[in-house]
């Protein structure tokens, strides 16, 4: 399961903050077989770490960095490291509240991200 290389549509309610500033921060996700986190920085860079759920006490098995931005209703992520074979990904993304967003993968899987506090 490659959670980071999935499409996502941005719907964020009010408060006058830009969609990009609402994404800034650290987020965690956990699937049946793997887990990870992603940190989006205000300078439009990001870092990701992924690991198998059964090895959560081990160092991440996938680590990557890159740049991100929004184009219309898409989150664009350009990976710089060697962990991902797909270097450019576009994500339709749904934010449901300030601390959770949910994405649907190209395969139709749904994944929930929780903000790290």
PDB file of N, CA and C in Angstrom:
ATOM      1  N   UNK A   1       0.849  -1.173   0.000  1.00  0.00           N
ATOM      2  CA  UNK A   1       0.000   0.000   0.000  1.00  0.00           C
ATOM      3  C   UNK A   1       0.896   1.238   0.000  1.00  0.00           C
ATOM      4  N   UNK A   2       0.740   2.107  -0.974  1.00  0.00           N
ATOM      5  CA  UNK A   2       1.556   3.313  -1.100  1.00  0.00           C
ATOM      6  C   UNK A   2       0.656   4.507  -0.903  1.00  0.00           C
ATOM      7  N   UNK A   3       0.467   4.917   0.328  1.00  0.00           N
ATOM      8  CA  UNK A   3      -0.474   5.978   0.673  1.00  0.00           C
ATOM      9  C   UNK A   3      -0.077   7.325   0.080  1.00  0.00           C
ATOM     10  N   UNK A   4       1.197   7.592  -0.021  1.00  0.00           N
ATOM     11  CA  UNK A   4       1.638   8.910  -0.463  1.00  0.00           C
ATOM     12  C   UNK A   4       1.413   9.103  -1.960  1.00  0.00           C
ATOM     13  N   UNK A   5       1.534   8.061  -2.738  1.00  0.00           N
ATOM     14  CA  UNK A   5       1.384   8.195  -4.185  1.00  0.00           C
ATOM     15  C   UNK A   5      -0.061   7.974  -4.615  1.00  0.00           C
ATOM     16  N   UNK A   6      -0.991   8.686  -3.997  1.00  0.00           N
ATOM     17  CA  UNK A   6      -2.408   8.540  -4.303  1.00  0.00           C
ATOM     18  C   UNK A   6      -3.036   9.886  -4.609  1.00  0.00           C
ATOM     19  N   UNK A   7      -4.076   9.878  -5.414  1.00  0.00           N
ATOM     20  CA  UNK A   7      -4.781  11.121  -5.692  1.00  0.00           C
ATOM     21  C   UNK A   7      -5.616  11.654  -4.513  1.00  0.00           C
ATOM     22  N   UNK A   8      -5.899  13.014  -4.395  1.00  0.00           N
ATOM     23  CA  UNK A   8      -6.735  13.618  -3.347  1.00  0.00           C
ATOM     24  C   UNK A   8      -7.480  14.936  -3.751  1.00  0.00           C
ATOM     25  N   UNK A   9      -9.133  15.950  -3.350  1.00  0.00           N
ATOM     26  CA  UNK A   9      -9.865  17.183  -3.631  1.00  0.00           C
ATOM     27  C   UNK A   9      -9.981  17.988  -2.348  1.00  0.00           C
ATOM     28  N   UNK A  10      -9.646  19.184  -2.432  1.00  0.00           N
ATOM     29  CA  UNK A  10      -9.555  19.948  -1.199  1.00  0.00           C
ATOM     30  C   UNK A  10     -10.833  20.722  -0.932  1.00  0.00           C
ATOM     31  N   UNK A  11     -11.481  20.422   0.186  1.00  0.00           N
ATOM     32  CA  UNK A  11     -12.645  21.160   0.659  1.00  0.00           C
ATOM     33  C   UNK A  11     -12.368  21.507   2.103  1.00  0.00           C
ATOM     34  N   UNK A  12     -11.967  22.738   2.366  1.00  0.00           N
ATOM     35  CA  UNK A  12     -11.690  23.165   3.728  1.00  0.00           C
ATOM     36  C   UNK A  12     -12.615  24.326   4.049  1.00  0.00           C
ATOM     37  N   UNK A  13     -13.311  24.233   5.152  1.00  0.00           N
ATOM     38  CA  UNK A  13     -14.277  25.272   5.519  1.00  0.00           C
ATOM     39  C   UNK A  13     -13.579  26.471   6.131  1.00  0.00           C
ATOM     40  N   UNK A  14     -14.037  27.625   5.809  1.00  0.00           N
ATOM     41  CA  UNK A  14     -13.785  28.959   6.284  1.00  0.00           C
ATOM     42  C   UNK A  14     -12.581  29.314   7.120  1.00  0.00           C
ATOM     43  N   UNK A  15     -12.784  30.252   8.022  1.00  0.00           N
ATOM     44  CA  UNK A  15     -11.806  30.837   8.936  1.00  0.00           C
ATOM     45  C   UNK A  15     -10.818  31.745   8.237  1.00  0.00           C
ATOM     46  N   UNK A  16     -10.942  31.976   6.932  1.00  0.00           N
ATOM     47  CA  UNK A  16     -10.105  32.941   6.251  1.00  0.00           C
ATOM     48  C   UNK A  16      -8.671  32.495   5.985  1.00  0.00           C
ATOM     49  N   UNK A  17      -8.287  31.306   6.403  1.00  0.00           N
ATOM     50  CA  UNK A  17      -6.943  30.808   6.139  1.00  0.00           C
ATOM     51  C   UNK A  17      -6.917  30.131   4.783  1.00  0.00           C
ATOM     52  N   UNK A  18      -5.777  30.204   4.102  1.00  0.00           N
ATOM     53  CA  UNK A  18      -5.660  29.551   2.805  1.00  0.00           C
ATOM     54  C   UNK A  18      -5.632  28.040   2.993  1.00  0.00           C
ATOM     55  N   UNK A  19      -6.032  27.315   1.947  1.00  0.00           N
ATOM     56  CA  UNK A  19      -5.983  25.861   1.996  1.00  0.00           C
ATOM     57  C   UNK A  19      -4.573  25.374   2.294  1.00  0.00           C
ATOM     58  N   UNK A  20      -3.584  26.022   1.682  1.00  0.00           N
ATOM     59  CA  UNK A  20      -2.201  25.602   1.892  1.00  0.00           C
ATOM     60  C   UNK A  20      -1.785  25.755   3.343  1.00  0.00           C
ATOM     61  N   UNK A  21      -2.148  26.852   3.990  1.00  0.00           N
ATOM     62  CA  UNK A  21      -1.745  27.033   5.388  1.00  0.00           C
ATOM     63  C   UNK A  21      -2.452  26.032   6.300  1.00  0.00           C
ATOM     64  N   UNK A  22      -3.630  25.566   5.911  1.00  0.00           N
ATOM     65  CA  UNK A  22      -4.335  24.572   6.710  1.00  0.00           C
ATOM     66  C   UNK A  22      -3.689  23.199   6.615  1.00  0.00           C
ATOM     67  N   UNK A  23      -2.974  22.930   5.538  1.00  0.00           N
ATOM     68  CA  UNK A  23      -2.302  21.647   5.374  1.00  0.00           C
ATOM     69  C   UNK A  23      -0.983  21.600   6.139  1.00  0.00           C
ATOM     70  N   UNK A  24      -0.362  22.741   6.376  1.00  0.00           N
ATOM     71  CA  UNK A  24       0.941  22.791   7.030  1.00  0.00           C
ATOM     72  C   UNK A  24       0.862  22.111   8.393  1.00  0.00           C
ATOM     73  N   UNK A  25       1.808  21.203   8.632  1.00  0.00           N
ATOM     74  CA  UNK A  25       1.872  20.473   9.893  1.00  0.00           C
ATOM     75  C   UNK A  25       2.187  19.014   9.648  1.00  0.00           C
ATOM     76  N   UNK A  26       2.147  18.235  10.716  1.00  0.00           N
ATOM     77  CA  UNK A  26       2.453  16.808  10.638  1.00  0.00           C
ATOM     78  C   UNK A  26       1.180  15.987  10.735  1.00  0.00           C
ATOM     79  N   UNK A  27       1.110  14.940   9.920  1.00  0.00           N
ATOM     80  CA  UNK A  27      -0.058  14.076   9.821  1.00  0.00           C
ATOM     81  C   UNK A  27       0.391  12.619   9.893  1.00  0.00           C
ATOM     82  N   UNK A  28      -0.421  11.759  10.539  1.00  0.00           N
ATOM     83  CA  UNK A  28      -0.137  10.330  10.610  1.00  0.00           C
ATOM     84  C   UNK A  28      -1.273   9.546   9.979  1.00  0.00           C
ATOM     85  N   UNK A  29      -0.961   8.353   9.481  1.00  0.00           N
ATOM     86  CA  UNK A  29      -1.961   7.444   8.943  1.00  0.00           C
ATOM     87  C   UNK A  29      -1.575   6.027   9.314  1.00  0.00           C
ATOM     88  N   UNK A  30      -2.556   5.146   9.348  1.00  0.00           N
ATOM     89  CA  UNK A  30      -2.309   3.738   9.635  1.00  0.00           C
ATOM     90  C   UNK A  30      -3.285   2.906   8.835  1.00  0.00           C
ATOM     91  N   UNK A  31      -2.752   1.978   8.066  1.00  0.00           N
ATOM     92  CA  UNK A  31      -3.565   1.047   7.298  1.00  0.00           C
ATOM     93  C   UNK A  31      -3.496  -0.332   7.928  1.00  0.00           C
ATOM     94  N   UNK A  32      -4.015  -1.317   7.243  1.00  0.00           N
ATOM     95  CA  UNK A  32      -3.989  -2.698   7.747  1.00  0.00           C
ATOM     96  C   UNK A  32      -2.570  -3.249   7.810  1.00  0.00           C
ATOM     97  N   UNK A  33      -1.750  -2.914   6.816  1.00  0.00           N
ATOM     98  CA  UNK A  33      -0.416  -3.496   6.716  1.00  0.00           C
ATOM     99  C   UNK A  33       0.724  -2.521   6.957  1.00  0.00           C
ATOM    100  N   UNK A  34       0.464  -1.234   6.838  1.00  0.00           N
ATOM    101  CA  UNK A  34       1.540  -0.269   6.977  1.00  0.00           C
ATOM    102  C   UNK A  34       1.027   1.020   7.595  1.00  0.00           C
ATOM    103  N   UNK A  35       1.961   1.888   7.908  1.00  0.00           N
ATOM    104  CA  UNK A  35       1.645   3.164   8.546  1.00  0.00           C
ATOM    105  C   UNK A  35       2.683   4.178   8.103  1.00  0.00           C
ATOM    106  N   UNK A  36       2.445   5.441   8.466  1.00  0.00           N
ATOM    107  CA  UNK A  36       3.410   6.457   8.096  1.00  0.00           C
ATOM    108  C   UNK A  36       3.027   7.820   8.594  1.00  0.00           C
ATOM    109  N   UNK A  37       3.873   8.769   8.262  1.00  0.00           N
ATOM    110  CA  UNK A  37       3.559  10.154   8.548  1.00  0.00           C
ATOM    111  C   UNK A  37       4.120  11.027   7.446  1.00  0.00           C
ATOM    112  N   UNK A  38       3.536  12.195   7.340  1.00  0.00           N
ATOM    113  CA  UNK A  38       3.979  13.185   6.366  1.00  0.00           C
ATOM    114  C   UNK A  38       3.928  14.546   7.057  1.00  0.00           C
ATOM    115  N   UNK A  39       4.955  15.347   6.826  1.00  0.00           N
ATOM    116  CA  UNK A  39       5.001  16.700   7.363  1.00  0.00           C
ATOM    117  C   UNK A  39       5.092  17.673   6.201  1.00  0.00           C
ATOM    118  N   UNK A  40       4.098  18.574   6.128  1.00  0.00           N
ATOM    119  CA  UNK A  40       4.061  19.618   5.111  1.00  0.00           C
ATOM    120  C   UNK A  40       4.534  20.911   5.765  1.00  0.00           C
ATOM    121  N   UNK A  41       5.565  21.530   5.211  1.00  0.00           N
ATOM    122  CA  UNK A  41       6.109  22.773   5.753  1.00  0.00           C
ATOM    123  C   UNK A  41       5.603  23.970   4.956  1.00  0.00           C
ATOM    124  N   UNK A  42       5.621  25.135   5.596  1.00  0.00           N
ATOM    125  CA  UNK A  42       5.122  26.363   4.974  1.00  0.00           C
ATOM    126  C   UNK A  42       5.952  26.774   3.754  1.00  0.00           C
ATOM    127  N   UNK A  43       7.198  26.315   3.671  1.00  0.00           N
ATOM    128  CA  UNK A  43       8.027  26.649   2.508  1.00  0.00           C
ATOM    129  C   UNK A  43       7.760  25.715   1.317  1.00  0.00           C
ATOM    130  N   UNK A  44       6.685  24.919   1.407  1.00  0.00           N
ATOM    131  CA  UNK A  44       6.241  24.006   0.355  1.00  0.00           C
ATOM    132  C   UNK A  44       7.168  22.821   0.152  1.00  0.00           C
ATOM    133  N   UNK A  45       7.871  22.415   1.202  1.00  0.00           N
ATOM    134  CA  UNK A  45       8.610  21.160   1.181  1.00  0.00           C
ATOM    135  C   UNK A  45       7.882  20.176   2.082  1.00  0.00           C
ATOM    136  N   UNK A  46       8.188  18.892   1.928  1.00  0.00           N
ATOM    137  CA  UNK A  46       7.595  17.874   2.789  1.00  0.00           C
ATOM    138  C   UNK A  46       8.585  16.753   3.044  1.00  0.00           C
ATOM    139  N   UNK A  47       8.329  15.991   4.098  1.00  0.00           N
ATOM    140  CA  UNK A  47       9.049  14.753   4.373  1.00  0.00           C
ATOM    141  C   UNK A  47       8.010  13.672   4.646  1.00  0.00           C
ATOM    142  N   UNK A  48       8.313  12.449   4.229  1.00  0.00           N
ATOM    143  CA  UNK A  48       7.432  11.317   4.491  1.00  0.00           C
ATOM    144  C   UNK A  48       8.247  10.165   5.053  1.00  0.00           C
ATOM    145  N   UNK A  49       7.597   9.381   5.914  1.00  0.00           N
ATOM    146  CA  UNK A  49       8.179   8.156   6.445  1.00  0.00           C
ATOM    147  C   UNK A  49       7.083   7.101   6.422  1.00  0.00           C
ATOM    148  N   UNK A  50       7.439   5.892   6.002  1.00  0.00           N
ATOM    149  CA  UNK A  50       6.479   4.786   5.963  1.00  0.00           C
ATOM    150  C   UNK A  50       7.146   3.537   6.524  1.00  0.00           C
ATOM    151  N   UNK A  51       6.359   2.684   7.174  1.00  0.00           N
ATOM    152  CA  UNK A  51       6.877   1.432   7.718  1.00  0.00           C
ATOM    153  C   UNK A  51       5.761   0.406   7.782  1.00  0.00           C
ATOM    154  N   UNK A  52       6.151  -0.867   7.862  1.00  0.00           N
ATOM    155  CA  UNK A  52       5.171  -1.933   8.033  1.00  0.00           C
ATOM    156  C   UNK A  52       4.625  -1.839   9.454  1.00  0.00           C
ATOM    157  N   UNK A  53       3.316  -2.025   9.643  1.00  0.00           N
ATOM    158  CA  UNK A  53       2.696  -1.906  10.959  1.00  0.00           C
ATOM    159  C   UNK A  53       3.361  -2.828  11.978  1.00  0.00           C
ATOM    160  N   UNK A  54       3.746  -4.010  11.562  1.00  0.00           N
ATOM    161  CA  UNK A  54       4.358  -4.961  12.498  1.00  0.00           C
ATOM    162  C   UNK A  54       5.752  -4.533  12.941  1.00  0.00           C
ATOM    163  N   UNK A  55       6.321  -3.523  12.293  1.00  0.00           N
ATOM    164  CA  UNK A  55       7.665  -3.052  12.626  1.00  0.00           C
ATOM    165  C   UNK A  55       7.675  -1.599  13.065  1.00  0.00           C
ATOM    166  N   UNK A  56       6.651  -1.145  13.771  1.00  0.00           N
ATOM    167  CA  UNK A  56       6.544   0.269  14.127  1.00  0.00           C
ATOM    168  C   UNK A  56       7.642   0.737  15.062  1.00  0.00           C
ATOM    169  N   UNK A  57       8.339  -0.174  15.710  1.00  0.00           N
ATOM    170  CA  UNK A  57       9.439   0.222  16.600  1.00  0.00           C
ATOM    171  C   UNK A  57      10.776   0.262  15.872  1.00  0.00           C
ATOM    172  N   UNK A  58      10.768  -0.005  14.580  1.00  0.00           N
ATOM    173  CA  UNK A  58      11.959   0.028  13.751  1.00  0.00           C
ATOM    174  C   UNK A  58      12.017   1.356  13.001  1.00  0.00           C
ATOM    175  N   UNK A  59      13.173   1.716  12.463  1.00  0.00           N
ATOM    176  CA  UNK A  59      13.246   2.921  11.621  1.00  0.00           C
ATOM    177  C   UNK A  59      12.340   2.761  10.394  1.00  0.00           C
ATOM    178  N   UNK A  60      11.894   3.875   9.823  1.00  0.00           N
ATOM    179  CA  UNK A  60      11.048   3.790   8.627  1.00  0.00           C
ATOM    180  C   UNK A  60      11.756   3.026   7.514  1.00  0.00           C
ATOM    181  N   UNK A  61      10.978   2.269   6.753  1.00  0.00           N
ATOM    182  CA  UNK A  61      11.578   1.552   5.630  1.00  0.00           C
ATOM    183  C   UNK A  61      11.543   2.383   4.350  1.00  0.00           C
ATOM    184  N   UNK A  62      10.683   3.380   4.311  1.00  0.00           N
ATOM    185  CA  UNK A  62      10.658   4.314   3.195  1.00  0.00           C
ATOM    186  C   UNK A  62      10.727   5.729   3.759  1.00  0.00           C
ATOM    187  N   UNK A  63      11.628   6.504   3.251  1.00  0.00           N
ATOM    188  CA  UNK A  63      11.781   7.895   3.665  1.00  0.00           C
ATOM    189  C   UNK A  63      11.954   8.711   2.404  1.00  0.00           C
ATOM    190  N   UNK A  64      11.257   9.848   2.342  1.00  0.00           N
ATOM    191  CA  UNK A  64      11.388  10.676   1.145  1.00  0.00           C
ATOM    192  C   UNK A  64      11.160  12.136   1.489  1.00  0.00           C
ATOM    193  N   UNK A  65      11.582  12.997   0.601  1.00  0.00           N
ATOM    194  CA  UNK A  65      11.387  14.435   0.724  1.00  0.00           C
ATOM    195  C   UNK A  65      10.911  14.951  -0.621  1.00  0.00           C
ATOM    196  N   UNK A  66      10.472  16.188  -0.624  1.00  0.00           N
ATOM    197  CA  UNK A  66      10.069  16.771  -1.892  1.00  0.00           C
ATOM    198  C   UNK A  66       9.421  18.121  -1.711  1.00  0.00           C
ATOM    199  N   UNK A  67       8.722  18.548  -2.756  1.00  0.00           N
ATOM    200  CA  UNK A  67       8.020  19.826  -2.756  1.00  0.00           C
ATOM    201  C   UNK A  67       6.548  19.580  -3.016  1.00  0.00           C
ATOM    202  N   UNK A  68       5.702  20.460  -2.448  1.00  0.00           N
ATOM    203  CA  UNK A  68       4.254  20.335  -2.614  1.00  0.00           C
ATOM    204  C   UNK A  68       3.638  21.691  -2.896  1.00  0.00           C
ATOM    205  N   UNK A  69       2.475  21.683  -3.532  1.00  0.00           N
ATOM    206  CA  UNK A  69       1.663  22.881  -3.723  1.00  0.00           C
ATOM    207  C   UNK A  69       0.272  22.451  -4.170  1.00  0.00           C
ATOM    208  N   UNK A  70      -0.658  23.380  -4.169  1.00  0.00           N
ATOM    209  CA  UNK A  70      -1.994  23.137  -4.698  1.00  0.00           C
ATOM    210  C   UNK A  70      -2.082  23.730  -6.091  1.00  0.00           C
ATOM    211  N   UNK A  71      -2.745  23.024  -6.970  1.00  0.00           N
ATOM    212  CA  UNK A  71      -3.112  23.548  -8.282  1.00  0.00           C
ATOM    213  C   UNK A  71      -4.607  23.276  -8.423  1.00  0.00           C
ATOM    214  N   UNK A  72      -5.394  24.324  -8.312  1.00  0.00           N
ATOM    215  CA  UNK A  72      -6.838  24.138  -8.324  1.00  0.00           C
ATOM    216  C   UNK A  72      -7.254  23.275  -7.148  1.00  0.00           C
ATOM    217  N   UNK A  73      -7.944  22.182  -7.425  1.00  0.00           N
ATOM    218  CA  UNK A  73      -8.423  21.274  -6.384  1.00  0.00           C
ATOM    219  C   UNK A  73      -7.535  20.048  -6.245  1.00  0.00           C
ATOM    220  N   UNK A  74      -6.238  20.197  -6.540  1.00  0.00           N
ATOM    221  CA  UNK A  74      -5.301  19.072  -6.440  1.00  0.00           C
ATOM    222  C   UNK A  74      -4.080  19.442  -5.611  1.00  0.00           C
ATOM    223  N   UNK A  75      -3.678  18.506  -4.779  1.00  0.00           N
ATOM    224  CA  UNK A  75      -2.404  18.598  -4.066  1.00  0.00           C
ATOM    225  C   UNK A  75      -1.354  17.951  -4.946  1.00  0.00           C
ATOM    226  N   UNK A  76      -0.322  18.700  -5.285  1.00  0.00           N
ATOM    227  CA  UNK A  76       0.756  18.202  -6.139  1.00  0.00           C
ATOM    228  C   UNK A  76       1.960  17.903  -5.251  1.00  0.00           C
ATOM    229  N   UNK A  77       2.501  16.696  -5.373  1.00  0.00           N
ATOM    230  CA  UNK A  77       3.695  16.313  -4.619  1.00  0.00           C
ATOM    231  C   UNK A  77       4.753  15.815  -5.594  1.00  0.00           C
ATOM    232  N   UNK A  78       5.942  16.419  -5.527  1.00  0.00           N
ATOM    233  CA  UNK A  78       7.076  16.007  -6.340  1.00  0.00           C
ATOM    234  C   UNK A  78       8.139  15.432  -5.414  1.00  0.00           C
ATOM    235  N   UNK A  79       8.358  14.117  -5.522  1.00  0.00           N
ATOM    236  CA  UNK A  79       9.302  13.400  -4.660  1.00  0.00           C
ATOM    237  C   UNK A  79      10.715  13.532  -5.193  1.00  0.00           C
ATOM    238  N   UNK A  80      11.684  13.718  -4.285  1.00  0.00           N
ATOM    239  CA  UNK A  80      13.073  13.903  -4.690  1.00  0.00           C
ATOM    240  C   UNK A  80      13.948  12.690  -4.422  1.00  0.00           C
ATOM    241  N   UNK A  81      13.579  11.848  -3.470  1.00  0.00           N
ATOM    242  CA  UNK A  81      14.415  10.710  -3.086  1.00  0.00           C
ATOM    243  C   UNK A  81      14.216   9.505  -3.982  1.00  0.00           C
ATOM    244  N   UNK A  82      14.807   8.399  -3.558  1.00  0.00           N
ATOM    245  CA  UNK A  82      14.747   7.161  -4.328  1.00  0.00           C
ATOM    246  C   UNK A  82      13.654   6.204  -3.846  1.00  0.00           C
ATOM    247  N   UNK A  83      12.917   6.557  -2.787  1.00  0.00           N
ATOM    248  CA  UNK A  83      11.922   5.650  -2.215  1.00  0.00           C
ATOM    249  C   UNK A  83      10.709   5.437  -3.111  1.00  0.00           C
ATOM    250  N   UNK A  84      10.355   6.414  -3.909  1.00  0.00           N
ATOM    251  CA  UNK A  84       9.167   6.329  -4.749  1.00  0.00           C
ATOM    252  C   UNK A  84       9.563   6.291  -6.223  1.00  0.00           C
ATOM    253  N   UNK A  85       9.035   5.312  -6.927  1.00  0.00           N
ATOM    254  CA  UNK A  85       9.339   5.232  -8.358  1.00  0.00           C
ATOM    255  C   UNK A  85       8.578   6.295  -9.135  1.00  0.00           C
ATOM    256  N   UNK A  86       7.388   6.668  -8.639  1.00  0.00           N
ATOM    257  CA  UNK A  86       6.624   7.754  -9.251  1.00  0.00           C
ATOM    258  C   UNK A  86       7.071   9.052  -8.582  1.00  0.00           C
ATOM    259  N   UNK A  87       7.676   9.952  -9.331  1.00  0.00           N
ATOM    260  CA  UNK A  87       8.249  11.181  -8.770  1.00  0.00           C
ATOM    261  C   UNK A  87       7.253  12.328  -8.694  1.00  0.00           C
ATOM    262  N   UNK A  88       6.200  12.289  -9.491  1.00  0.00           N
ATOM    263  CA  UNK A  88       5.197  13.361  -9.527  1.00  0.00           C
ATOM    264  C   UNK A  88       3.826  12.746  -9.279  1.00  0.00           C
ATOM    265  N   UNK A  89       3.121  13.227  -8.247  1.00  0.00           N
ATOM    266  CA  UNK A  89       1.788  12.707  -7.934  1.00  0.00           C
ATOM    267  C   UNK A  89       0.821  13.862  -7.729  1.00  0.00           C
ATOM    268  N   UNK A  90      -0.428  13.667  -8.146  1.00  0.00           N
ATOM    269  CA  UNK A  90      -1.485  14.651  -7.948  1.00  0.00           C
ATOM    270  C   UNK A  90      -2.607  13.971  -7.178  1.00  0.00           C
ATOM    271  N   UNK A  91      -3.080  14.621  -6.105  1.00  0.00           N
ATOM    272  CA  UNK A  91      -4.028  14.021  -5.187  1.00  0.00           C
ATOM    273  C   UNK A  91      -5.332  14.795  -5.079  1.00  0.00           C
ATOM    274  N   UNK A  92      -6.490  14.247  -5.504  1.00  0.00           N
ATOM    275  CA  UNK A  92      -7.753  14.832  -5.085  1.00  0.00           C
ATOM    276  C   UNK A  92      -7.884  14.581  -3.580  1.00  0.00           C
ATOM    277  N   UNK A  93      -8.187  15.585  -2.764  1.00  0.00           N
ATOM    278  CA  UNK A  93      -8.066  15.519  -1.313  1.00  0.00           C
ATOM    279  C   UNK A  93      -9.295  16.074  -0.613  1.00  0.00           C
ATOM    280  N   UNK A  94      -9.808  15.416   0.425  1.00  0.00           N
ATOM    281  CA  UNK A  94     -10.967  15.896   1.187  1.00  0.00           C
ATOM    282  C   UNK A  94     -10.566  16.126   2.638  1.00  0.00           C
ATOM    283  N   UNK A  95     -10.661  17.356   3.105  1.00  0.00           N
ATOM    284  CA  UNK A  95     -10.450  17.666   4.525  1.00  0.00           C
ATOM    285  C   UNK A  95     -11.817  17.669   5.191  1.00  0.00           C
ATOM    286  N   UNK A  96     -11.967  16.946   6.270  1.00  0.00           N
ATOM    287  CA  UNK A  96     -13.254  16.936   6.943  1.00  0.00           C
ATOM    288  C   UNK A  96     -13.272  17.857   8.144  1.00  0.00           C
ATOM    289  N   UNK A  97     -12.154  18.082   8.762  1.00  0.00           N
ATOM    290  CA  UNK A  97     -12.041  19.086   9.812  1.00  0.00           C
ATOM    291  C   UNK A  97     -10.578  19.445   9.969  1.00  0.00           C
ATOM    292  N   UNK A  98     -10.290  20.275  10.927  1.00  0.00           N
ATOM    293  CA  UNK A  98      -8.936  20.778  11.116  1.00  0.00           C
ATOM    294  C   UNK A  98      -7.922  19.681  11.429  1.00  0.00           C
ATOM    295  N   UNK A  99      -8.369  18.573  12.039  1.00  0.00           N
ATOM    296  CA  UNK A  99      -7.447  17.541  12.506  1.00  0.00           C
ATOM    297  C   UNK A  99      -7.512  16.232  11.738  1.00  0.00           C
ATOM    298  N   UNK A 100      -8.335  16.152  10.696  1.00  0.00           N
ATOM    299  CA  UNK A 100      -8.479  14.907   9.935  1.00  0.00           C
ATOM    300  C   UNK A 100      -8.712  15.220   8.468  1.00  0.00           C
ATOM    301  N   UNK A 101      -8.049  14.462   7.594  1.00  0.00           N
ATOM    302  CA  UNK A 101      -8.454  14.479   6.189  1.00  0.00           C
ATOM    303  C   UNK A 101      -8.414  13.061   5.646  1.00  0.00           C
ATOM    304  N   UNK A 102      -9.226  12.814   4.636  1.00  0.00           N
ATOM    305  CA  UNK A 102      -9.380  11.474   4.087  1.00  0.00           C
ATOM    306  C   UNK A 102      -9.112  11.534   2.592  1.00  0.00           C
ATOM    307  N   UNK A 103      -8.371  10.534   2.100  1.00  0.00           N
ATOM    308  CA  UNK A 103      -8.100  10.454   0.666  1.00  0.00           C
ATOM    309  C   UNK A 103      -8.553   9.106   0.129  1.00  0.00           C
ATOM    310  N   UNK A 104      -8.852   9.074  -1.137  1.00  0.00           N
ATOM    311  CA  UNK A 104      -9.195   7.834  -1.831  1.00  0.00           C
ATOM    312  C   UNK A 104      -8.093   7.574  -2.853  1.00  0.00           C
ATOM    313  N   UNK A 105      -7.520   6.365  -2.800  1.00  0.00           N
ATOM    314  CA  UNK A 105      -6.443   6.031  -3.717  1.00  0.00           C
ATOM    315  C   UNK A 105      -6.989   5.767  -5.115  1.00  0.00           C
ATOM    316  N   UNK A 106      -6.100   5.712  -6.074  1.00  0.00           N
ATOM    317  CA  UNK A 106      -6.488   5.398  -7.446  1.00  0.00           C
ATOM    318  C   UNK A 106      -7.137   4.017  -7.512  1.00  0.00           C
ATOM    319  N   UNK A 107      -6.777   3.130  -6.560  1.00  0.00           N
ATOM    320  CA  UNK A 107      -7.355   1.790  -6.501  1.00  0.00           C
ATOM    321  C   UNK A 107      -8.703   1.775  -5.792  1.00  0.00           C
ATOM    322  N   UNK A 108      -9.151   2.926  -5.255  1.00  0.00           N
ATOM    323  CA  UNK A 108     -10.428   3.008  -4.566  1.00  0.00           C
ATOM    324  C   UNK A 108     -10.347   2.830  -3.059  1.00  0.00           C
ATOM    325  N   UNK A 109      -9.156   2.630  -2.498  1.00  0.00           N
ATOM    326  CA  UNK A 109      -8.997   2.511  -1.053  1.00  0.00           C
ATOM    327  C   UNK A 109      -9.137   3.887  -0.400  1.00  0.00           C
ATOM    328  N   UNK A 110      -9.663   3.921   0.819  1.00  0.00           N
ATOM    329  CA  UNK A 110      -9.838   5.165   1.562  1.00  0.00           C
ATOM    330  C   UNK A 110      -8.878   5.159   2.742  1.00  0.00           C
ATOM    331  N   UNK A 111      -8.155   6.262   2.936  1.00  0.00           N
ATOM    332  CA  UNK A 111      -7.184   6.383   4.015  1.00  0.00           C
ATOM    333  C   UNK A 111      -7.428   7.680   4.779  1.00  0.00           C
ATOM    334  N   UNK A 112      -7.315   7.598   6.079  1.00  0.00           N
ATOM    335  CA  UNK A 112      -7.547   8.744   6.951  1.00  0.00           C
ATOM    336  C   UNK A 112      -6.237   9.210   7.562  1.00  0.00           C
ATOM    337  N   UNK A 113      -5.998  10.510   7.508  1.00  0.00           N
ATOM    338  CA  UNK A 113      -4.827  11.119   8.116  1.00  0.00           C
ATOM    339  C   UNK A 113      -5.281  11.913   9.333  1.00  0.00           C
ATOM    340  N   UNK A 114      -4.559  11.783  10.439  1.00  0.00           N
ATOM    341  CA  UNK A 114      -4.843  12.523  11.674  1.00  0.00           C
ATOM    342  C   UNK A 114      -3.691  13.489  11.928  1.00  0.00           C
ATOM    343  N   UNK A 115      -4.017  14.715  12.315  1.00  0.00           N
ATOM    344  CA  UNK A 115      -2.974  15.702  12.619  1.00  0.00           C
ATOM    345  C   UNK A 115      -2.239  15.286  13.885  1.00  0.00           C
ATOM    346  N   UNK A 116      -0.915  15.381  13.862  1.00  0.00           N
ATOM    347  CA  UNK A 116      -0.092  15.110  15.039  1.00  0.00           C
ATOM    348  C   UNK A 116      -0.119  16.362  15.900  1.00  0.00           C
ATOM    349  N   UNK A 117      -0.480  16.209  17.154  1.00  0.00           N
ATOM    350  CA  UNK A 117      -0.582  17.367  18.053  1.00  0.00           C
ATOM    351  C   UNK A 117       0.597  17.443  18.988  1.00  0.00           C
TER     352      UNK A 117
END
